Amino acid sequence: MAADSLSRVFSALADPTRRDMVARLAAGDATVNELADPYDVTVQAVSKHLKVLEDAGLVSRSREAQRRPVHLEAEVFDLMTRWIERYRREAEERYRRLDDVLRSMPDDVEPTPPTESGAST
C-alpha cells in the first residue's frame, strides 16, 4: 500500500461516524439506508461518508438486484496492521534495550539529589 493510500485510510478512519460505520460493517454488509438508520443525518450525508471510505479502499458497493450493499474490505486492515506492527516492534526493541541497561545498573547506588541552579554554597 502506498503512503498516500495509507494516509487516506487513516484520514477516513479519523472521523468517529466513519469508524462506527466500519465497525457495523464488520458484522456484515448493509445498505446505505441501514447504515443511515441510527444517525440523525440524511442518507446523502451517509453516502458522502461512504464515498470517503470507498476512496480509501475500506468499503465497496455492489449491485444485488435493487439492493446495493456496502461491503467492508478487510484486507485493507491487514495492510494497516503490518504497517503499525513494524513500528510497534521497533518500540518494543527500544524498551528491551532500556530494560537491559537498567538491569545492568547496580541496585545499591543512592540517587544523587538534584542541585538548585544558582544556589550559593
PDB file of N, CA and C in Angstrom:
ATOM      1  N   MET A   1       0.859  -1.172   0.000  1.00  0.00           N
ATOM      2  CA  MET A   1       0.000   0.000   0.000  1.00  0.00           C
ATOM      3  C   MET A   1       0.904   1.233   0.000  1.00  0.00           C
ATOM      4  N   ALA A   2       0.676   2.138  -0.907  1.00  0.00           N
ATOM      5  CA  ALA A   2       1.483   3.353  -0.994  1.00  0.00           C
ATOM      6  C   ALA A   2       1.189   4.268   0.190  1.00  0.00           C
ATOM      7  N   ALA A   3       2.137   5.162   0.446  1.00  0.00           N
ATOM      8  CA  ALA A   3       1.985   6.067   1.590  1.00  0.00           C
ATOM      9  C   ALA A   3       0.717   6.899   1.490  1.00  0.00           C
ATOM     10  N   ASP A   4       0.377   7.380   0.276  1.00  0.00           N
ATOM     11  CA  ASP A   4      -0.837   8.203   0.189  1.00  0.00           C
ATOM     12  C   ASP A   4      -2.088   7.358   0.414  1.00  0.00           C
ATOM     13  N   SER A   5      -2.059   6.092   0.023  1.00  0.00           N
ATOM     14  CA  SER A   5      -3.202   5.212   0.295  1.00  0.00           C
ATOM     15  C   SER A   5      -3.358   5.021   1.792  1.00  0.00           C
ATOM     16  N   LEU A   6      -2.249   4.813   2.468  1.00  0.00           N
ATOM     17  CA  LEU A   6      -2.293   4.644   3.919  1.00  0.00           C
ATOM     18  C   LEU A   6      -2.795   5.921   4.587  1.00  0.00           C
ATOM     19  N   SER A   7      -2.377   7.064   4.080  1.00  0.00           N
ATOM     20  CA  SER A   7      -2.853   8.341   4.625  1.00  0.00           C
ATOM     21  C   SER A   7      -4.360   8.479   4.427  1.00  0.00           C
ATOM     22  N   ARG A   8      -4.857   8.056   3.263  1.00  0.00           N
ATOM     23  CA  ARG A   8      -6.303   8.130   3.010  1.00  0.00           C
ATOM     24  C   ARG A   8      -7.068   7.221   3.971  1.00  0.00           C
ATOM     25  N   VAL A   9      -6.510   6.044   4.246  1.00  0.00           N
ATOM     26  CA  VAL A   9      -7.178   5.118   5.171  1.00  0.00           C
ATOM     27  C   VAL A   9      -7.243   5.730   6.566  1.00  0.00           C
ATOM     28  N   PHE A  10      -6.106   6.206   7.072  1.00  0.00           N
ATOM     29  CA  PHE A  10      -6.101   6.787   8.414  1.00  0.00           C
ATOM     30  C   PHE A  10      -6.964   8.045   8.472  1.00  0.00           C
ATOM     31  N   SER A  11      -6.948   8.841   7.416  1.00  0.00           N
ATOM     32  CA  SER A  11      -7.783  10.038   7.373  1.00  0.00           C
ATOM     33  C   SER A  11      -9.265   9.666   7.392  1.00  0.00           C
ATOM     34  N   ALA A  12      -9.624   8.643   6.626  1.00  0.00           N
ATOM     35  CA  ALA A  12     -11.024   8.201   6.596  1.00  0.00           C
ATOM     36  C   ALA A  12     -11.454   7.707   7.971  1.00  0.00           C
ATOM     37  N   LEU A  13     -10.561   7.030   8.679  1.00  0.00           N
ATOM     38  CA  LEU A  13     -10.901   6.484   9.990  1.00  0.00           C
ATOM     39  C   LEU A  13     -10.794   7.515  11.110  1.00  0.00           C
ATOM     40  N   ALA A  14     -10.350   8.718  10.789  1.00  0.00           N
ATOM     41  CA  ALA A  14     -10.240   9.768  11.805  1.00  0.00           C
ATOM     42  C   ALA A  14     -11.613  10.272  12.245  1.00  0.00           C
ATOM     43  N   ASP A  15     -12.612  10.063  11.428  1.00  0.00           N
ATOM     44  CA  ASP A  15     -13.967  10.528  11.739  1.00  0.00           C
ATOM     45  C   ASP A  15     -14.709   9.451  12.538  1.00  0.00           C
ATOM     46  N   PRO A  16     -15.281   9.815  13.700  1.00  0.00           N
ATOM     47  CA  PRO A  16     -15.955   8.809  14.531  1.00  0.00           C
ATOM     48  C   PRO A  16     -17.172   8.168  13.868  1.00  0.00           C
ATOM     49  N   THR A  17     -17.887   8.908  13.028  1.00  0.00           N
ATOM     50  CA  THR A  17     -19.038   8.323  12.340  1.00  0.00           C
ATOM     51  C   THR A  17     -18.576   7.248  11.366  1.00  0.00           C
ATOM     52  N   ARG A  18     -17.497   7.536  10.641  1.00  0.00           N
ATOM     53  CA  ARG A  18     -16.978   6.547   9.697  1.00  0.00           C
ATOM     54  C   ARG A  18     -16.421   5.330  10.432  1.00  0.00           C
ATOM     55  N   ARG A  19     -15.749   5.550  11.564  1.00  0.00           N
ATOM     56  CA  ARG A  19     -15.260   4.409  12.354  1.00  0.00           C
ATOM     57  C   ARG A  19     -16.432   3.549  12.811  1.00  0.00           C
ATOM     58  N   ASP A  20     -17.524   4.194  13.211  1.00  0.00           N
ATOM     59  CA  ASP A  20     -18.704   3.448  13.642  1.00  0.00           C
ATOM     60  C   ASP A  20     -19.295   2.652  12.478  1.00  0.00           C
ATOM     61  N   MET A  21     -19.332   3.249  11.312  1.00  0.00           N
ATOM     62  CA  MET A  21     -19.845   2.537  10.141  1.00  0.00           C
ATOM     63  C   MET A  21     -18.974   1.318   9.825  1.00  0.00           C
ATOM     64  N   VAL A  22     -17.670   1.485   9.916  1.00  0.00           N
ATOM     65  CA  VAL A  22     -16.751   0.370   9.672  1.00  0.00           C
ATOM     66  C   VAL A  22     -17.002  -0.731  10.700  1.00  0.00           C
ATOM     67  N   ALA A  23     -17.185  -0.348  11.947  1.00  0.00           N
ATOM     68  CA  ALA A  23     -17.459  -1.341  12.995  1.00  0.00           C
ATOM     69  C   ALA A  23     -18.762  -2.086  12.700  1.00  0.00           C
ATOM     70  N   ARG A  24     -19.762  -1.367  12.253  1.00  0.00           N
ATOM     71  CA  ARG A  24     -21.046  -2.009  11.929  1.00  0.00           C
ATOM     72  C   ARG A  24     -20.903  -2.935  10.732  1.00  0.00           C
ATOM     73  N   LEU A  25     -20.101  -2.524   9.727  1.00  0.00           N
ATOM     74  CA  LEU A  25     -19.903  -3.358   8.544  1.00  0.00           C
ATOM     75  C   LEU A  25     -19.052  -4.591   8.846  1.00  0.00           C
ATOM     76  N   ALA A  26     -18.291  -4.549   9.926  1.00  0.00           N
ATOM     77  CA  ALA A  26     -17.512  -5.730  10.325  1.00  0.00           C
ATOM     78  C   ALA A  26     -18.438  -6.885  10.683  1.00  0.00           C
ATOM     79  N   ALA A  27     -19.658  -6.575  11.091  1.00  0.00           N
ATOM     80  CA  ALA A  27     -20.642  -7.601  11.437  1.00  0.00           C
ATOM     81  C   ALA A  27     -21.346  -8.138  10.194  1.00  0.00           C
ATOM     82  N   GLY A  28     -21.292  -7.420   9.093  1.00  0.00           N
ATOM     83  CA  GLY A  28     -21.936  -7.873   7.864  1.00  0.00           C
ATOM     84  C   GLY A  28     -22.281  -6.715   6.951  1.00  0.00           C
ATOM     85  N   ASP A  29     -22.519  -7.016   5.701  1.00  0.00           N
ATOM     86  CA  ASP A  29     -22.877  -5.997   4.713  1.00  0.00           C
ATOM     87  C   ASP A  29     -24.176  -5.300   5.113  1.00  0.00           C
ATOM     88  N   ALA A  30     -24.316  -4.060   4.671  1.00  0.00           N
ATOM     89  CA  ALA A  30     -25.519  -3.281   4.960  1.00  0.00           C
ATOM     90  C   ALA A  30     -25.767  -2.312   3.814  1.00  0.00           C
ATOM     91  N   THR A  31     -27.010  -1.906   3.666  1.00  0.00           N
ATOM     92  CA  THR A  31     -27.345  -0.893   2.661  1.00  0.00           C
ATOM     93  C   THR A  31     -27.065   0.489   3.252  1.00  0.00           C
ATOM     94  N   VAL A  32     -27.078   1.480   2.380  1.00  0.00           N
ATOM     95  CA  VAL A  32     -26.886   2.860   2.831  1.00  0.00           C
ATOM     96  C   VAL A  32     -27.981   3.235   3.819  1.00  0.00           C
ATOM     97  N   ASN A  33     -29.223   2.847   3.517  1.00  0.00           N
ATOM     98  CA  ASN A  33     -30.332   3.159   4.430  1.00  0.00           C
ATOM     99  C   ASN A  33     -30.142   2.490   5.786  1.00  0.00           C
ATOM    100  N   GLU A  34     -29.688   1.245   5.791  1.00  0.00           N
ATOM    101  CA  GLU A  34     -29.446   0.553   7.059  1.00  0.00           C
ATOM    102  C   GLU A  34     -28.335   1.233   7.849  1.00  0.00           C
ATOM    103  N   LEU A  35     -27.306   1.686   7.138  1.00  0.00           N
ATOM    104  CA  LEU A  35     -26.209   2.389   7.815  1.00  0.00           C
ATOM    105  C   LEU A  35     -26.654   3.747   8.329  1.00  0.00           C
ATOM    106  N   ALA A  36     -27.556   4.401   7.600  1.00  0.00           N
ATOM    107  CA  ALA A  36     -28.021   5.740   7.980  1.00  0.00           C
ATOM    108  C   ALA A  36     -28.980   5.713   9.160  1.00  0.00           C
ATOM    109  N   ASP A  37     -29.630   4.584   9.375  1.00  0.00           N
ATOM    110  CA  ASP A  37     -30.706   4.479  10.362  1.00  0.00           C
ATOM    111  C   ASP A  37     -30.377   5.049  11.748  1.00  0.00           C
ATOM    112  N   PRO A  38     -29.258   4.708  12.379  1.00  0.00           N
ATOM    113  CA  PRO A  38     -29.036   5.194  13.752  1.00  0.00           C
ATOM    114  C   PRO A  38     -28.561   6.650  13.854  1.00  0.00           C
ATOM    115  N   TYR A  39     -28.285   7.286  12.734  1.00  0.00           N
ATOM    116  CA  TYR A  39     -27.741   8.645  12.774  1.00  0.00           C
ATOM    117  C   TYR A  39     -28.823   9.679  12.493  1.00  0.00           C
ATOM    118  N   ASP A  40     -28.635  10.842  13.051  1.00  0.00           N
ATOM    119  CA  ASP A  40     -29.558  11.945  12.813  1.00  0.00           C
ATOM    120  C   ASP A  40     -29.015  12.797  11.660  1.00  0.00           C
ATOM    121  N   VAL A  41     -28.764  12.131  10.534  1.00  0.00           N
ATOM    122  CA  VAL A  41     -28.273  12.813   9.336  1.00  0.00           C
ATOM    123  C   VAL A  41     -29.021  12.259   8.130  1.00  0.00           C
ATOM    124  N   THR A  42     -28.871  12.915   7.012  1.00  0.00           N
ATOM    125  CA  THR A  42     -29.546  12.470   5.795  1.00  0.00           C
ATOM    126  C   THR A  42     -28.810  11.273   5.195  1.00  0.00           C
ATOM    127  N   VAL A  43     -29.502  10.550   4.350  1.00  0.00           N
ATOM    128  CA  VAL A  43     -28.890   9.442   3.621  1.00  0.00           C
ATOM    129  C   VAL A  43     -27.769   9.987   2.739  1.00  0.00           C
ATOM    130  N   GLN A  44     -27.964  11.195   2.232  1.00  0.00           N
ATOM    131  CA  GLN A  44     -26.930  11.828   1.405  1.00  0.00           C
ATOM    132  C   GLN A  44     -25.645  12.042   2.213  1.00  0.00           C
ATOM    133  N   ALA A  45     -25.764  12.454   3.474  1.00  0.00           N
ATOM    134  CA  ALA A  45     -24.586  12.642   4.324  1.00  0.00           C
ATOM    135  C   ALA A  45     -23.882  11.312   4.571  1.00  0.00           C
ATOM    136  N   VAL A  46     -24.650  10.261   4.790  1.00  0.00           N
ATOM    137  CA  VAL A  46     -24.070   8.932   4.977  1.00  0.00           C
ATOM    138  C   VAL A  46     -23.370   8.494   3.693  1.00  0.00           C
ATOM    139  N   SER A  47     -23.973   8.781   2.559  1.00  0.00           N
ATOM    140  CA  SER A  47     -23.352   8.442   1.274  1.00  0.00           C
ATOM    141  C   SER A  47     -22.014   9.149   1.105  1.00  0.00           C
ATOM    142  N   LYS A  48     -21.924  10.381   1.572  1.00  0.00           N
ATOM    143  CA  LYS A  48     -20.648  11.106   1.491  1.00  0.00           C
ATOM    144  C   LYS A  48     -19.596  10.433   2.376  1.00  0.00           C
ATOM    145  N   HIS A  49     -19.991  10.000   3.579  1.00  0.00           N
ATOM    146  CA  HIS A  49     -19.072   9.272   4.445  1.00  0.00           C
ATOM    147  C   HIS A  49     -18.612   7.983   3.763  1.00  0.00           C
ATOM    148  N   LEU A  50     -19.561   7.287   3.135  1.00  0.00           N
ATOM    149  CA  LEU A  50     -19.222   6.039   2.460  1.00  0.00           C
ATOM    150  C   LEU A  50     -18.299   6.281   1.275  1.00  0.00           C
ATOM    151  N   LYS A  51     -18.460   7.399   0.603  1.00  0.00           N
ATOM    152  CA  LYS A  51     -17.576   7.740  -0.523  1.00  0.00           C
ATOM    153  C   LYS A  51     -16.141   7.894  -0.031  1.00  0.00           C
ATOM    154  N   VAL A  52     -15.952   8.533   1.119  1.00  0.00           N
ATOM    155  CA  VAL A  52     -14.605   8.687   1.693  1.00  0.00           C
ATOM    156  C   VAL A  52     -14.024   7.308   2.024  1.00  0.00           C
ATOM    157  N   LEU A  53     -14.840   6.445   2.640  1.00  0.00           N
ATOM    158  CA  LEU A  53     -14.391   5.092   2.977  1.00  0.00           C
ATOM    159  C   LEU A  53     -14.080   4.288   1.711  1.00  0.00           C
ATOM    160  N   GLU A  54     -14.889   4.492   0.683  1.00  0.00           N
ATOM    161  CA  GLU A  54     -14.685   3.789  -0.587  1.00  0.00           C
ATOM    162  C   GLU A  54     -13.407   4.267  -1.265  1.00  0.00           C
ATOM    163  N   ASP A  55     -13.180   5.578  -1.285  1.00  0.00           N
ATOM    164  CA  ASP A  55     -11.964   6.136  -1.889  1.00  0.00           C
ATOM    165  C   ASP A  55     -10.707   5.654  -1.173  1.00  0.00           C
ATOM    166  N   ALA A  56     -10.831   5.376   0.120  1.00  0.00           N
ATOM    167  CA  ALA A  56      -9.696   4.879   0.897  1.00  0.00           C
ATOM    168  C   ALA A  56      -9.522   3.369   0.739  1.00  0.00           C
ATOM    169  N   GLY A  57     -10.470   2.712   0.065  1.00  0.00           N
ATOM    170  CA  GLY A  57     -10.381   1.276  -0.145  1.00  0.00           C
ATOM    171  C   GLY A  57     -10.924   0.443   0.997  1.00  0.00           C
ATOM    172  N   LEU A  58     -11.589   1.096   1.949  1.00  0.00           N
ATOM    173  CA  LEU A  58     -12.110   0.382   3.118  1.00  0.00           C
ATOM    174  C   LEU A  58     -13.430  -0.327   2.859  1.00  0.00           C
ATOM    175  N   VAL A  59     -14.228   0.190   1.947  1.00  0.00           N
ATOM    176  CA  VAL A  59     -15.513  -0.433   1.627  1.00  0.00           C
ATOM    177  C   VAL A  59     -15.700  -0.457   0.119  1.00  0.00           C
ATOM    178  N   SER A  60     -16.599  -1.332  -0.306  1.00  0.00           N
ATOM    179  CA  SER A  60     -17.009  -1.359  -1.711  1.00  0.00           C
ATOM    180  C   SER A  60     -18.522  -1.527  -1.738  1.00  0.00           C
ATOM    181  N   ARG A  61     -19.099  -1.142  -2.846  1.00  0.00           N
ATOM    182  CA  ARG A  61     -20.550  -1.295  -3.012  1.00  0.00           C
ATOM    183  C   ARG A  61     -20.787  -2.192  -4.216  1.00  0.00           C
ATOM    184  N   SER A  62     -21.718  -3.101  -4.063  1.00  0.00           N
ATOM    185  CA  SER A  62     -22.044  -3.995  -5.174  1.00  0.00           C
ATOM    186  C   SER A  62     -23.510  -3.842  -5.520  1.00  0.00           C
ATOM    187  N   ARG A  63     -23.881  -4.449  -6.610  1.00  0.00           N
ATOM    188  CA  ARG A  63     -25.284  -4.413  -7.044  1.00  0.00           C
ATOM    189  C   ARG A  63     -25.855  -5.817  -6.918  1.00  0.00           C
ATOM    190  N   GLU A  64     -26.847  -5.943  -6.079  1.00  0.00           N
ATOM    191  CA  GLU A  64     -27.595  -7.189  -5.959  1.00  0.00           C
ATOM    192  C   GLU A  64     -29.055  -6.835  -6.217  1.00  0.00           C
ATOM    193  N   ALA A  65     -29.487  -7.036  -7.427  1.00  0.00           N
ATOM    194  CA  ALA A  65     -30.846  -6.655  -7.830  1.00  0.00           C
ATOM    195  C   ALA A  65     -31.064  -5.176  -7.498  1.00  0.00           C
ATOM    196  N   GLN A  66     -32.060  -4.865  -6.678  1.00  0.00           N
ATOM    197  CA  GLN A  66     -32.344  -3.480  -6.302  1.00  0.00           C
ATOM    198  C   GLN A  66     -31.489  -3.040  -5.119  1.00  0.00           C
ATOM    199  N   ARG A  67     -30.943  -3.985  -4.424  1.00  0.00           N
ATOM    200  CA  ARG A  67     -30.175  -3.707  -3.210  1.00  0.00           C
ATOM    201  C   ARG A  67     -28.725  -3.395  -3.581  1.00  0.00           C
ATOM    202  N   ARG A  68     -28.125  -2.396  -2.949  1.00  0.00           N
ATOM    203  CA  ARG A  68     -26.707  -2.079  -3.182  1.00  0.00           C
ATOM    204  C   ARG A  68     -25.968  -2.156  -1.853  1.00  0.00           C
ATOM    205  N   PRO A  69     -25.635  -3.356  -1.406  1.00  0.00           N
ATOM    206  CA  PRO A  69     -24.995  -3.462  -0.096  1.00  0.00           C
ATOM    207  C   PRO A  69     -23.584  -2.885  -0.093  1.00  0.00           C
ATOM    208  N   VAL A  70     -23.205  -2.372   1.063  1.00  0.00           N
ATOM    209  CA  VAL A  70     -21.858  -1.865   1.287  1.00  0.00           C
ATOM    210  C   VAL A  70     -21.096  -2.988   1.971  1.00  0.00           C
ATOM    211  N   HIS A  71     -19.896  -3.264   1.481  1.00  0.00           N
ATOM    212  CA  HIS A  71     -19.093  -4.374   1.967  1.00  0.00           C
ATOM    213  C   HIS A  71     -17.759  -3.850   2.512  1.00  0.00           C
ATOM    214  N   LEU A  72     -17.372  -4.329   3.674  1.00  0.00           N
ATOM    215  CA  LEU A  72     -16.091  -3.962   4.280  1.00  0.00           C
ATOM    216  C   LEU A  72     -14.973  -4.729   3.597  1.00  0.00           C
ATOM    217  N   GLU A  73     -13.935  -4.040   3.163  1.00  0.00           N
ATOM    218  CA  GLU A  73     -12.774  -4.659   2.518  1.00  0.00           C
ATOM    219  C   GLU A  73     -11.705  -4.911   3.579  1.00  0.00           C
ATOM    220  N   ALA A  74     -11.778  -6.066   4.209  1.00  0.00           N
ATOM    221  CA  ALA A  74     -10.952  -6.384   5.381  1.00  0.00           C
ATOM    222  C   ALA A  74      -9.462  -6.440   5.066  1.00  0.00           C
ATOM    223  N   GLU A  75      -9.080  -6.717   3.823  1.00  0.00           N
ATOM    224  CA  GLU A  75      -7.643  -6.811   3.522  1.00  0.00           C
ATOM    225  C   GLU A  75      -6.911  -5.489   3.732  1.00  0.00           C
ATOM    226  N   VAL A  76      -7.629  -4.382   3.673  1.00  0.00           N
ATOM    227  CA  VAL A  76      -7.010  -3.083   3.958  1.00  0.00           C
ATOM    228  C   VAL A  76      -6.513  -3.061   5.407  1.00  0.00           C
ATOM    229  N   PHE A  77      -7.248  -3.700   6.308  1.00  0.00           N
ATOM    230  CA  PHE A  77      -6.838  -3.744   7.711  1.00  0.00           C
ATOM    231  C   PHE A  77      -5.580  -4.576   7.888  1.00  0.00           C
ATOM    232  N   ASP A  78      -5.399  -5.603   7.060  1.00  0.00           N
ATOM    233  CA  ASP A  78      -4.168  -6.386   7.120  1.00  0.00           C
ATOM    234  C   ASP A  78      -2.971  -5.506   6.772  1.00  0.00           C
ATOM    235  N   LEU A  79      -3.119  -4.675   5.753  1.00  0.00           N
ATOM    236  CA  LEU A  79      -2.032  -3.773   5.364  1.00  0.00           C
ATOM    237  C   LEU A  79      -1.745  -2.758   6.462  1.00  0.00           C
ATOM    238  N   MET A  80      -2.806  -2.208   7.062  1.00  0.00           N
ATOM    239  CA  MET A  80      -2.620  -1.247   8.156  1.00  0.00           C
ATOM    240  C   MET A  80      -1.938  -1.914   9.341  1.00  0.00           C
ATOM    241  N   THR A  81      -2.352  -3.129   9.648  1.00  0.00           N
ATOM    242  CA  THR A  81      -1.782  -3.854  10.781  1.00  0.00           C
ATOM    243  C   THR A  81      -0.299  -4.096  10.568  1.00  0.00           C
ATOM    244  N   ARG A  82       0.098  -4.494   9.358  1.00  0.00           N
ATOM    245  CA  ARG A  82       1.534  -4.706   9.086  1.00  0.00           C
ATOM    246  C   ARG A  82       2.318  -3.407   9.273  1.00  0.00           C
ATOM    247  N   TRP A  83       1.752  -2.296   8.813  1.00  0.00           N
ATOM    248  CA  TRP A  83       2.437  -1.001   8.955  1.00  0.00           C
ATOM    249  C   TRP A  83       2.597  -0.643  10.431  1.00  0.00           C
ATOM    250  N   ILE A  84       1.527  -0.787  11.199  1.00  0.00           N
ATOM    251  CA  ILE A  84       1.566  -0.478  12.638  1.00  0.00           C
ATOM    252  C   ILE A  84       2.496  -1.436  13.366  1.00  0.00           C
ATOM    253  N   GLU A  85       2.435  -2.701  13.023  1.00  0.00           N
ATOM    254  CA  GLU A  85       3.234  -3.730  13.685  1.00  0.00           C
ATOM    255  C   GLU A  85       4.735  -3.445  13.562  1.00  0.00           C
ATOM    256  N   ARG A  86       5.157  -2.955  12.412  1.00  0.00           N
ATOM    257  CA  ARG A  86       6.581  -2.635  12.211  1.00  0.00           C
ATOM    258  C   ARG A  86       7.052  -1.631  13.263  1.00  0.00           C
ATOM    259  N   TYR A  87       6.284  -0.595  13.500  1.00  0.00           N
ATOM    260  CA  TYR A  87       6.676   0.427  14.470  1.00  0.00           C
ATOM    261  C   TYR A  87       6.503  -0.047  15.908  1.00  0.00           C
ATOM    262  N   ARG A  88       5.537  -0.914  16.146  1.00  0.00           N
ATOM    263  CA  ARG A  88       5.369  -1.488  17.481  1.00  0.00           C
ATOM    264  C   ARG A  88       6.583  -2.340  17.843  1.00  0.00           C
ATOM    265  N   ARG A  89       7.058  -3.143  16.879  1.00  0.00           N
ATOM    266  CA  ARG A  89       8.244  -3.980  17.136  1.00  0.00           C
ATOM    267  C   ARG A  89       9.466  -3.118  17.417  1.00  0.00           C
ATOM    268  N   GLU A  90       9.646  -2.034  16.670  1.00  0.00           N
ATOM    269  CA  GLU A  90      10.779  -1.137  16.903  1.00  0.00           C
ATOM    270  C   GLU A  90      10.707  -0.527  18.295  1.00  0.00           C
ATOM    271  N   ALA A  91       9.524  -0.102  18.718  1.00  0.00           N
ATOM    272  CA  ALA A  91       9.364   0.487  20.052  1.00  0.00           C
ATOM    273  C   ALA A  91       9.654  -0.560  21.123  1.00  0.00           C
ATOM    274  N   GLU A  92       9.163  -1.778  20.945  1.00  0.00           N
ATOM    275  CA  GLU A  92       9.437  -2.833  21.917  1.00  0.00           C
ATOM    276  C   GLU A  92      10.923  -3.133  22.024  1.00  0.00           C
ATOM    277  N   GLU A  93      11.625  -3.114  20.901  1.00  0.00           N
ATOM    278  CA  GLU A  93      13.069  -3.346  20.925  1.00  0.00           C
ATOM    279  C   GLU A  93      13.787  -2.247  21.700  1.00  0.00           C
ATOM    280  N   ARG A  94      13.368  -1.006  21.554  1.00  0.00           N
ATOM    281  CA  ARG A  94      13.974   0.095  22.333  1.00  0.00           C
ATOM    282  C   ARG A  94      13.730  -0.120  23.821  1.00  0.00           C
ATOM    283  N   TYR A  95      12.521  -0.527  24.193  1.00  0.00           N
ATOM    284  CA  TYR A  95      12.223  -0.786  25.609  1.00  0.00           C
ATOM    285  C   TYR A  95      13.038  -1.961  26.136  1.00  0.00           C
ATOM    286  N   ARG A  96      13.240  -2.998  25.311  1.00  0.00           N
ATOM    287  CA  ARG A  96      14.075  -4.137  25.747  1.00  0.00           C
ATOM    288  C   ARG A  96      15.505  -3.690  26.015  1.00  0.00           C
ATOM    289  N   ARG A  97      16.037  -2.829  25.132  1.00  0.00           N
ATOM    290  CA  ARG A  97      17.409  -2.322  25.344  1.00  0.00           C
ATOM    291  C   ARG A  97      17.484  -1.484  26.613  1.00  0.00           C
ATOM    292  N   LEU A  98      16.464  -0.661  26.860  1.00  0.00           N
ATOM    293  CA  LEU A  98      16.432   0.136  28.087  1.00  0.00           C
ATOM    294  C   LEU A  98      16.366  -0.771  29.313  1.00  0.00           C
ATOM    295  N   ASP A  99      15.529  -1.804  29.254  1.00  0.00           N
ATOM    296  CA  ASP A  99      15.455  -2.770  30.361  1.00  0.00           C
ATOM    297  C   ASP A  99      16.810  -3.412  30.618  1.00  0.00           C
ATOM    298  N   ASP A 100      17.534  -3.761  29.550  1.00  0.00           N
ATOM    299  CA  ASP A 100      18.859  -4.370  29.704  1.00  0.00           C
ATOM    300  C   ASP A 100      19.818  -3.414  30.401  1.00  0.00           C
ATOM    301  N   VAL A 101      19.789  -2.137  30.009  1.00  0.00           N
ATOM    302  CA  VAL A 101      20.656  -1.138  30.644  1.00  0.00           C
ATOM    303  C   VAL A 101      20.291  -0.987  32.111  1.00  0.00           C
ATOM    304  N   LEU A 102      19.002  -0.891  32.400  1.00  0.00           N
ATOM    305  CA  LEU A 102      18.565  -0.728  33.791  1.00  0.00           C
ATOM    306  C   LEU A 102      18.937  -1.941  34.635  1.00  0.00           C
ATOM    307  N   ARG A 103      18.832  -3.151  34.074  1.00  0.00           N
ATOM    308  CA  ARG A 103      19.215  -4.361  34.814  1.00  0.00           C
ATOM    309  C   ARG A 103      20.712  -4.400  35.090  1.00  0.00           C
ATOM    310  N   SER A 104      21.512  -3.821  34.213  1.00  0.00           N
ATOM    311  CA  SER A 104      22.964  -3.858  34.391  1.00  0.00           C
ATOM    312  C   SER A 104      23.454  -2.827  35.408  1.00  0.00           C
ATOM    313  N   MET A 105      22.600  -1.921  35.813  1.00  0.00           N
ATOM    314  CA  MET A 105      22.999  -0.902  36.793  1.00  0.00           C
ATOM    315  C   MET A 105      22.949  -1.500  38.198  1.00  0.00           C
ATOM    316  N   PRO A 106      23.919  -1.126  39.038  1.00  0.00           N
ATOM    317  CA  PRO A 106      23.905  -1.654  40.413  1.00  0.00           C
ATOM    318  C   PRO A 106      22.692  -1.144  41.180  1.00  0.00           C
ATOM    319  N   ASP A 107      22.153  -2.016  42.054  1.00  0.00           N
ATOM    320  CA  ASP A 107      20.963  -1.676  42.831  1.00  0.00           C
ATOM    321  C   ASP A 107      21.267  -0.816  44.044  1.00  0.00           C
ATOM    322  N   ASP A 108      22.506  -0.864  44.547  1.00  0.00           N
ATOM    323  CA  ASP A 108      22.819  -0.210  45.813  1.00  0.00           C
ATOM    324  C   ASP A 108      23.329   1.215  45.677  1.00  0.00           C
ATOM    325  N   VAL A 109      23.200   1.816  44.526  1.00  0.00           N
ATOM    326  CA  VAL A 109      23.658   3.189  44.323  1.00  0.00           C
ATOM    327  C   VAL A 109      22.559   4.149  44.745  1.00  0.00           C
ATOM    328  N   GLU A 110      22.897   5.053  45.639  1.00  0.00           N
ATOM    329  CA  GLU A 110      21.944   6.072  46.082  1.00  0.00           C
ATOM    330  C   GLU A 110      21.822   7.139  44.993  1.00  0.00           C
ATOM    331  N   PRO A 111      20.623   7.556  44.687  1.00  0.00           N
ATOM    332  CA  PRO A 111      20.478   8.621  43.684  1.00  0.00           C
ATOM    333  C   PRO A 111      21.024   9.935  44.223  1.00  0.00           C
ATOM    334  N   THR A 112      21.619  10.686  43.345  1.00  0.00           N
ATOM    335  CA  THR A 112      22.145  11.997  43.717  1.00  0.00           C
ATOM    336  C   THR A 112      21.023  13.008  43.595  1.00  0.00           C
ATOM    337  N   PRO A 113      20.754  13.741  44.702  1.00  0.00           N
ATOM    338  CA  PRO A 113      19.680  14.734  44.612  1.00  0.00           C
ATOM    339  C   PRO A 113      20.060  15.859  43.645  1.00  0.00           C
ATOM    340  N   PRO A 114      19.105  16.386  42.942  1.00  0.00           N
ATOM    341  CA  PRO A 114      19.413  17.491  42.037  1.00  0.00           C
ATOM    342  C   PRO A 114      19.818  18.717  42.824  1.00  0.00           C
ATOM    343  N   THR A 115      20.725  19.467  42.247  1.00  0.00           N
ATOM    344  CA  THR A 115      21.154  20.716  42.903  1.00  0.00           C
ATOM    345  C   THR A 115      20.350  21.852  42.329  1.00  0.00           C
ATOM    346  N   GLU A 116      20.106  22.835  43.171  1.00  0.00           N
ATOM    347  CA  GLU A 116      19.360  24.010  42.698  1.00  0.00           C
ATOM    348  C   GLU A 116      20.329  24.883  41.927  1.00  0.00           C
ATOM    349  N   SER A 117      19.935  25.289  40.757  1.00  0.00           N
ATOM    350  CA  SER A 117      20.813  26.149  39.950  1.00  0.00           C
ATOM    351  C   SER A 117      20.801  27.552  40.564  1.00  0.00           C
ATOM    352  N   GLY A 118      21.974  28.117  40.649  1.00  0.00           N
ATOM    353  CA  GLY A 118      22.101  29.473  41.170  1.00  0.00           C
ATOM    354  C   GLY A 118      22.135  29.547  42.692  1.00  0.00           C
ATOM    355  N   ALA A 119      22.089  28.411  43.375  1.00  0.00           N
ATOM    356  CA  ALA A 119      22.120  28.409  44.846  1.00  0.00           C
ATOM    357  C   ALA A 119      23.561  28.592  45.298  1.00  0.00           C
ATOM    358  N   SER A 120      23.774  29.431  46.311  1.00  0.00           N
ATOM    359  CA  SER A 120      25.130  29.636  46.813  1.00  0.00           C
ATOM    360  C   SER A 120      25.428  28.631  47.889  1.00  0.00           C
ATOM    361  N   THR A 121      26.667  28.131  47.901  1.00  0.00           N
ATOM    362  CA  THR A 121      27.069  27.155  48.918  1.00  0.00           C
ATOM    363  C   THR A 121      28.165  27.684  49.773  1.00  0.00           C
TER     364      THR A 121
END
